[in-house]
């Protein structure tokens, strides 16, 4: 019986600590996403089509289409 209780307590602790971590990490991720969006937008404004792979990846994620289907007009509308 004691084994079940200690397992239950351990799983409860894991669940609670996971919730705390997700909250803290989620806040940091939101901040980093905002920084990345700003950084990529500036790179696009200063760069020329086609872009470097990291910028291509960001663009395709934002437009939800493969970069091979992206047109320069799509990118211009994205950064406005």
Protein backbone atom coordinates (compact mmCIF):
# COMPACT_ATOMS: atom_id res chain seq x y z
CA UNK A 1 0.00 0.00 0.00
CA UNK A 2 2.81 2.42 0.85
CA UNK A 3 4.33 1.84 -2.57
CA UNK A 4 1.13 2.99 -4.30
CA UNK A 5 1.00 6.14 -2.22
CA UNK A 6 4.61 7.06 -2.91
CA UNK A 7 4.07 6.44 -6.63
CA UNK A 8 0.96 8.62 -6.55
CA UNK A 9 2.82 11.41 -4.75
CA UNK A 10 5.70 11.17 -7.22
CA UNK A 11 3.38 11.35 -10.23
CA UNK A 12 1.49 14.29 -8.70
CA UNK A 13 4.80 16.10 -8.19
CA UNK A 14 5.85 15.38 -11.80
CA UNK A 15 2.50 16.69 -13.07
CA UNK A 16 2.69 19.85 -10.98
CA UNK A 17 6.32 20.57 -11.89
CA UNK A 18 5.50 20.03 -15.57
CA UNK A 19 2.71 22.58 -15.39
CA UNK A 20 5.04 25.12 -13.81
CA UNK A 21 7.71 24.48 -16.45
CA UNK A 22 5.23 24.83 -19.32
CA UNK A 23 4.02 28.15 -17.95
CA UNK A 24 7.52 29.55 -17.49
CA UNK A 25 8.89 28.19 -20.77
CA UNK A 26 5.78 29.29 -22.68
CA UNK A 27 6.36 32.89 -21.63
CA UNK A 28 9.99 32.72 -22.74
CA UNK A 29 9.01 31.14 -26.05
CA UNK A 30 6.42 33.84 -26.77
CA UNK A 31 9.05 36.52 -26.17
CA UNK A 32 11.57 34.73 -28.39
CA UNK A 33 9.00 34.26 -31.17
CA UNK A 34 8.26 37.99 -31.11
CA UNK A 35 11.99 38.77 -31.27
CA UNK A 36 12.45 36.33 -34.15
CA UNK A 37 9.49 37.78 -36.06
CA UNK A 38 10.97 41.27 -35.75
CA UNK A 39 14.45 40.07 -36.72
CA UNK A 40 13.20 38.14 -39.77
CA UNK A 41 11.03 41.05 -40.91
CA UNK A 42 14.06 43.36 -40.84
CA UNK A 43 16.16 40.82 -42.75
CA UNK A 44 13.46 40.49 -45.41
CA UNK A 45 13.16 44.26 -45.79
CA UNK A 46 16.93 44.57 -46.29
CA UNK A 47 17.42 41.40 -48.37
CA UNK A 48 16.51 40.21 -51.84
CA UNK A 49 14.38 37.33 -53.04
CA UNK A 50 15.24 34.37 -52.77
CA UNK A 51 16.35 34.51 -49.16
CA UNK A 52 18.65 32.41 -47.01
CA UNK A 53 17.31 29.03 -45.79
CA UNK A 54 16.48 30.26 -42.29
CA UNK A 55 14.40 33.11 -43.70
CA UNK A 56 12.78 30.75 -46.22
CA UNK A 57 11.79 28.44 -43.38
CA UNK A 58 10.27 31.31 -41.39
CA UNK A 59 8.34 32.57 -44.42
CA UNK A 60 6.95 29.15 -45.28
CA UNK A 61 5.88 28.64 -41.66
CA UNK A 62 4.10 32.01 -41.57
CA UNK A 63 2.39 31.50 -44.94
CA UNK A 64 1.75 27.78 -44.26
CA UNK A 65 2.95 26.78 -47.74
CA UNK A 66 6.24 25.34 -49.02
CA UNK A 67 8.77 28.00 -49.96
CA UNK A 68 8.93 26.65 -53.52
CA UNK A 69 5.35 27.93 -53.93
CA UNK A 70 6.03 31.34 -52.39
CA UNK A 71 6.10 34.36 -54.66
CA UNK A 72 7.81 37.63 -53.92
CA UNK A 73 4.41 39.37 -53.69
CA UNK A 74 3.40 36.92 -50.93
CA UNK A 75 6.48 37.89 -48.93
CA UNK A 76 5.82 41.62 -49.39
CA UNK A 77 2.25 41.21 -48.15
CA UNK A 78 3.52 39.20 -45.17
CA UNK A 79 5.83 41.92 -43.87
CA UNK A 80 3.32 44.77 -44.19
